[in-house]
Structure formats: structure tokens, C-alpha cells
């Protein structure tokens, strides 16, 4: 089976930072073996969801979004590839000033 590198992203995760509720986002690089792109996306998403559930971070009653941002077929030795860590960032709030 071919190998795939998937960048999984998440949005709208509630955390308390410095005693203030904040919305955070994450990105995570996953390497998976799958028959095709669709199967690779599904597997990467399932793996991330499983880990978030295990850490009690995922909440089915919220507006949390998880998706695959990018996926590419790659050559790699599965035994040597380490899965990436969650990279958490503050949600960017876009503010637009309208000039009159």
C-alpha cells in the first residue's frame, strides 16, 4: 500500500489559558498507509479523533471542526516515521476596517 502524509487541522477548541477561556486551533502531520487518498484521509482523521477523545479534548456537543488540510502520497519507511505532535495555536480573529 502507498504511504500518505496528511496535515490534519482543528478549529474551535475551548481551553482556559491564564484563567481566560480561549479558542485554540491545531495542526498535526500524520503518516498513514492506505489504498487511496480517500482511505488515507479517513484513517488520518480517525487517528486524530481517537487521540483527542483519549485526552478528553474532543467534545461532540461543540462547534469543533477537524479536517484534512493537505494530503500527499509519499515514500517512507513506516517503521522510521514518527507521527507529529499536536501544534496548538490561538485562533486568529480577523478584524476588517472598512474605509469609507
N, C-alpha and C. Protein backbone atom coordinates (compact mmCIF):
# COMPACT_ATOMS: atom_id res chain seq x y z
N UNK A 1 0.84 -1.19 0.00
CA UNK A 1 0.00 0.00 0.00
C UNK A 1 0.89 1.24 0.00
N UNK A 2 0.41 2.27 -0.67
CA UNK A 2 1.19 3.52 -0.67
C UNK A 2 1.10 4.23 0.68
N UNK A 3 2.08 5.08 0.92
CA UNK A 3 2.09 5.90 2.12
C UNK A 3 1.58 7.30 1.81
N UNK A 4 0.95 7.92 2.78
CA UNK A 4 0.42 9.27 2.62
C UNK A 4 0.82 10.13 3.82
N UNK A 5 1.08 11.38 3.53
CA UNK A 5 1.34 12.39 4.56
C UNK A 5 0.13 13.31 4.57
N UNK A 6 -0.57 13.37 5.70
CA UNK A 6 -1.77 14.19 5.82
C UNK A 6 -1.57 15.24 6.89
N UNK A 7 -1.94 16.47 6.58
CA UNK A 7 -1.95 17.53 7.57
C UNK A 7 -3.39 17.71 8.03
N UNK A 8 -3.64 17.36 9.28
CA UNK A 8 -4.97 17.45 9.86
C UNK A 8 -5.02 18.73 10.70
N UNK A 9 -6.10 19.49 10.54
CA UNK A 9 -6.26 20.73 11.31
C UNK A 9 -7.55 20.68 12.11
N UNK A 10 -7.58 21.43 13.18
CA UNK A 10 -8.77 21.53 14.02
C UNK A 10 -8.99 22.97 14.43
N UNK A 11 -10.25 23.32 14.61
CA UNK A 11 -10.63 24.68 14.99
C UNK A 11 -11.68 24.63 16.10
N UNK A 12 -11.77 25.72 16.84
CA UNK A 12 -12.81 25.92 17.86
C UNK A 12 -12.69 24.97 19.06
N UNK A 13 -11.47 24.81 19.56
CA UNK A 13 -11.25 24.00 20.75
C UNK A 13 -11.11 24.93 21.95
N UNK A 14 -12.00 24.77 22.93
CA UNK A 14 -12.02 25.63 24.12
C UNK A 14 -10.95 25.18 25.12
N UNK A 15 -10.13 26.12 25.55
CA UNK A 15 -9.14 25.89 26.60
C UNK A 15 -9.15 27.11 27.51
N UNK A 16 -8.72 26.92 28.74
CA UNK A 16 -8.54 28.04 29.65
C UNK A 16 -7.04 28.30 29.69
N UNK A 17 -6.65 29.51 29.28
CA UNK A 17 -5.26 29.93 29.26
C UNK A 17 -5.14 31.17 30.12
N UNK A 18 -4.29 31.12 31.14
CA UNK A 18 -4.14 32.25 32.07
C UNK A 18 -5.49 32.67 32.64
N UNK A 19 -6.29 31.68 33.05
CA UNK A 19 -7.61 31.91 33.65
C UNK A 19 -8.61 32.56 32.71
N UNK A 20 -8.33 32.59 31.42
CA UNK A 20 -9.24 33.15 30.43
C UNK A 20 -9.62 32.08 29.41
N UNK A 21 -10.91 31.93 29.13
CA UNK A 21 -11.29 30.97 28.08
C UNK A 21 -10.80 31.45 26.72
N UNK A 22 -10.21 30.54 25.96
CA UNK A 22 -9.66 30.86 24.64
C UNK A 22 -10.08 29.78 23.65
N UNK A 23 -10.23 30.17 22.40
CA UNK A 23 -10.41 29.21 21.33
C UNK A 23 -9.06 28.94 20.70
N UNK A 24 -8.70 27.68 20.62
CA UNK A 24 -7.42 27.30 20.02
C UNK A 24 -7.65 26.47 18.78
N UNK A 25 -6.63 26.44 17.93
CA UNK A 25 -6.62 25.64 16.72
C UNK A 25 -5.41 24.71 16.80
N UNK A 26 -5.42 23.64 16.01
CA UNK A 26 -4.24 22.78 15.96
C UNK A 26 -3.97 22.35 14.53
N UNK A 27 -2.75 21.90 14.34
CA UNK A 27 -2.38 21.18 13.12
C UNK A 27 -1.56 19.98 13.56
N UNK A 28 -1.64 18.93 12.78
CA UNK A 28 -0.92 17.71 13.11
C UNK A 28 -0.60 16.98 11.82
N UNK A 29 0.63 16.57 11.67
CA UNK A 29 1.04 15.80 10.49
C UNK A 29 0.97 14.33 10.83
N UNK A 30 0.27 13.58 9.99
CA UNK A 30 0.10 12.14 10.18
C UNK A 30 0.64 11.41 8.96
N UNK A 31 1.27 10.28 9.17
CA UNK A 31 1.73 9.41 8.09
C UNK A 31 0.94 8.11 8.19
N UNK A 32 0.28 7.74 7.10
CA UNK A 32 -0.56 6.54 7.12
C UNK A 32 -0.34 5.72 5.85
N UNK A 33 -0.57 4.42 5.95
CA UNK A 33 -0.60 3.53 4.80
C UNK A 33 -2.06 3.31 4.45
N UNK A 34 -2.41 3.51 3.19
CA UNK A 34 -3.80 3.34 2.78
C UNK A 34 -3.85 3.01 1.29
N UNK A 35 -4.96 2.44 0.86
CA UNK A 35 -5.11 2.04 -0.54
C UNK A 35 -5.23 3.22 -1.48
N UNK A 36 -5.82 4.34 -1.00
CA UNK A 36 -6.00 5.51 -1.85
C UNK A 36 -6.14 6.75 -0.98
N UNK A 37 -6.30 7.91 -1.63
CA UNK A 37 -6.37 9.18 -0.91
C UNK A 37 -7.55 9.22 0.05
N UNK A 38 -8.71 8.77 -0.38
CA UNK A 38 -9.90 8.81 0.47
C UNK A 38 -9.70 7.97 1.74
N UNK A 39 -9.13 6.78 1.57
CA UNK A 39 -8.88 5.93 2.73
C UNK A 39 -7.82 6.55 3.65
N UNK A 40 -6.82 7.20 3.07
CA UNK A 40 -5.78 7.86 3.87
C UNK A 40 -6.37 9.01 4.68
N UNK A 41 -7.24 9.82 4.06
CA UNK A 41 -7.90 10.90 4.78
C UNK A 41 -8.72 10.37 5.95
N UNK A 42 -9.51 9.34 5.68
CA UNK A 42 -10.36 8.76 6.73
C UNK A 42 -9.52 8.21 7.88
N UNK A 43 -8.43 7.54 7.56
CA UNK A 43 -7.57 6.96 8.59
C UNK A 43 -6.88 8.05 9.42
N UNK A 44 -6.35 9.06 8.77
CA UNK A 44 -5.69 10.16 9.49
C UNK A 44 -6.68 10.86 10.43
N UNK A 45 -7.88 11.13 9.93
CA UNK A 45 -8.91 11.77 10.76
C UNK A 45 -9.29 10.89 11.95
N UNK A 46 -9.46 9.61 11.71
CA UNK A 46 -9.85 8.68 12.78
C UNK A 46 -8.76 8.61 13.85
N UNK A 47 -7.51 8.60 13.44
CA UNK A 47 -6.41 8.53 14.39
C UNK A 47 -6.35 9.79 15.27
N UNK A 48 -6.53 10.95 14.66
CA UNK A 48 -6.52 12.20 15.41
C UNK A 48 -7.72 12.27 16.35
N UNK A 49 -8.90 11.93 15.85
CA UNK A 49 -10.10 11.95 16.70
C UNK A 49 -9.93 11.00 17.90
N UNK A 50 -9.38 9.82 17.65
CA UNK A 50 -9.19 8.85 18.72
C UNK A 50 -8.26 9.40 19.81
N UNK A 51 -7.19 10.06 19.40
CA UNK A 51 -6.27 10.61 20.38
C UNK A 51 -6.89 11.78 21.15
N UNK A 52 -7.64 12.64 20.45
CA UNK A 52 -8.32 13.74 21.13
C UNK A 52 -9.36 13.22 22.12
N UNK A 53 -10.08 12.18 21.75
CA UNK A 53 -11.06 11.57 22.66
C UNK A 53 -10.36 10.97 23.88
N UNK A 54 -9.23 10.30 23.66
CA UNK A 54 -8.49 9.68 24.75
C UNK A 54 -7.99 10.74 25.74
N UNK A 55 -7.71 11.95 25.25
CA UNK A 55 -7.24 13.04 26.11
C UNK A 55 -8.39 13.90 26.62
N UNK A 56 -9.62 13.49 26.35
CA UNK A 56 -10.83 14.23 26.75
C UNK A 56 -10.83 15.66 26.22
N UNK A 57 -10.31 15.86 25.02
CA UNK A 57 -10.26 17.18 24.40
C UNK A 57 -11.41 17.35 23.41
N UNK A 58 -11.85 16.27 22.81
CA UNK A 58 -12.90 16.32 21.80
C UNK A 58 -14.26 16.30 22.47
N UNK A 59 -15.13 17.21 22.05
CA UNK A 59 -16.46 17.35 22.63
C UNK A 59 -17.47 17.31 21.50
N UNK A 60 -18.29 16.29 21.45
CA UNK A 60 -19.25 16.14 20.35
C UNK A 60 -20.36 17.19 20.37
N UNK A 61 -20.52 17.90 21.49
CA UNK A 61 -21.58 18.89 21.59
C UNK A 61 -21.14 20.31 21.25
N UNK A 62 -19.94 20.48 20.72
CA UNK A 62 -19.44 21.83 20.45
C UNK A 62 -19.29 22.05 18.94
N UNK A 63 -18.74 23.20 18.62
CA UNK A 63 -18.52 23.57 17.21
C UNK A 63 -17.12 23.21 16.74
N UNK A 64 -16.49 22.26 17.38
CA UNK A 64 -15.14 21.86 16.99
C UNK A 64 -15.16 21.28 15.57
N UNK A 65 -14.18 21.69 14.79
CA UNK A 65 -14.07 21.21 13.41
C UNK A 65 -12.72 20.53 13.22
N UNK A 66 -12.72 19.39 12.56
CA UNK A 66 -11.49 18.69 12.23
C UNK A 66 -11.56 18.35 10.75
N UNK A 67 -10.48 18.64 10.04
CA UNK A 67 -10.46 18.33 8.61
C UNK A 67 -9.03 18.07 8.15
N UNK A 68 -8.91 17.50 6.97
CA UNK A 68 -7.60 17.29 6.37
C UNK A 68 -7.34 18.48 5.46
N UNK A 69 -6.29 19.22 5.78
CA UNK A 69 -5.95 20.42 5.01
C UNK A 69 -5.17 20.06 3.75
N UNK A 70 -4.28 19.08 3.86
CA UNK A 70 -3.43 18.71 2.73
C UNK A 70 -3.09 17.24 2.85
N UNK A 71 -3.01 16.56 1.71
CA UNK A 71 -2.61 15.15 1.72
C UNK A 71 -1.82 14.87 0.45
N UNK A 72 -0.72 14.15 0.62
CA UNK A 72 0.15 13.82 -0.49
C UNK A 72 0.65 12.39 -0.34
N UNK A 73 0.81 11.72 -1.46
CA UNK A 73 1.42 10.40 -1.43
C UNK A 73 2.92 10.58 -1.28
N UNK A 74 3.53 9.80 -0.39
CA UNK A 74 4.96 9.92 -0.12
C UNK A 74 5.58 8.54 -0.03
N UNK A 75 6.88 8.50 -0.23
CA UNK A 75 7.65 7.29 0.00
C UNK A 75 8.27 7.40 1.38
N UNK A 76 8.05 6.41 2.22
CA UNK A 76 8.66 6.44 3.54
C UNK A 76 8.73 5.02 4.09
N UNK A 77 9.62 4.86 5.03
CA UNK A 77 9.72 3.61 5.78
C UNK A 77 8.87 3.79 7.03
N UNK A 78 7.73 3.11 7.06
CA UNK A 78 6.76 3.29 8.15
C UNK A 78 7.40 3.10 9.52
N UNK A 79 8.37 2.20 9.64
CA UNK A 79 8.99 1.95 10.94
C UNK A 79 9.82 3.14 11.42
N UNK A 80 10.28 3.99 10.50
CA UNK A 80 11.13 5.12 10.87
C UNK A 80 10.36 6.42 11.06
N UNK A 81 9.12 6.47 10.60
CA UNK A 81 8.35 7.72 10.65
C UNK A 81 7.69 7.87 12.02
N UNK A 82 7.92 9.01 12.62
CA UNK A 82 7.25 9.37 13.87
C UNK A 82 6.05 10.24 13.53
N UNK A 83 4.94 10.01 14.18
CA UNK A 83 3.79 10.87 13.98
C UNK A 83 4.09 12.22 14.62
N UNK A 84 3.63 13.27 14.00
CA UNK A 84 3.85 14.61 14.53
C UNK A 84 3.06 14.84 15.80
N UNK A 85 3.44 15.85 16.52
CA UNK A 85 2.73 16.25 17.72
C UNK A 85 1.64 17.25 17.35
N UNK A 86 0.68 17.42 18.25
CA UNK A 86 -0.31 18.47 18.07
C UNK A 86 0.40 19.82 18.23
N UNK A 87 0.18 20.72 17.31
CA UNK A 87 0.71 22.07 17.41
C UNK A 87 -0.49 22.98 17.63
N UNK A 88 -0.62 23.50 18.85
CA UNK A 88 -1.77 24.33 19.22
C UNK A 88 -1.43 25.79 19.03
N UNK A 89 -2.35 26.55 18.48
CA UNK A 89 -2.18 27.99 18.28
C UNK A 89 -3.48 28.69 18.66
N UNK A 90 -3.36 29.97 18.98
CA UNK A 90 -4.56 30.77 19.26
C UNK A 90 -5.30 31.01 17.96
N UNK A 91 -6.61 30.95 18.02
CA UNK A 91 -7.43 31.22 16.83
C UNK A 91 -7.20 32.66 16.40
N UNK A 92 -7.04 32.85 15.12
CA UNK A 92 -6.84 34.20 14.59
C UNK A 92 -8.20 34.84 14.38
N UNK A 93 -8.34 36.00 14.95
CA UNK A 93 -9.58 36.75 14.76
C UNK A 93 -9.31 37.83 13.75
N UNK A 94 -9.92 37.72 12.60
CA UNK A 94 -9.72 38.71 11.55
C UNK A 94 -10.62 39.90 11.81
N UNK A 95 -10.01 41.05 11.86
CA UNK A 95 -10.77 42.28 12.03
C UNK A 95 -10.55 43.13 10.78
N UNK A 96 -11.63 43.52 10.19
CA UNK A 96 -11.54 44.30 8.96
C UNK A 96 -12.06 45.70 9.21
N UNK A 97 -11.24 46.68 8.86
CA UNK A 97 -11.65 48.07 8.95
C UNK A 97 -12.15 48.48 7.58
N UNK A 98 -13.37 48.96 7.52
CA UNK A 98 -13.92 49.38 6.26
C UNK A 98 -13.71 50.87 6.10
N UNK A 99 -12.99 51.22 5.04
CA UNK A 99 -12.76 52.64 4.76
C UNK A 99 -13.95 53.18 3.97
N UNK A 100 -14.35 54.38 4.34
CA UNK A 100 -15.50 54.98 3.65
C UNK A 100 -14.98 56.00 2.70
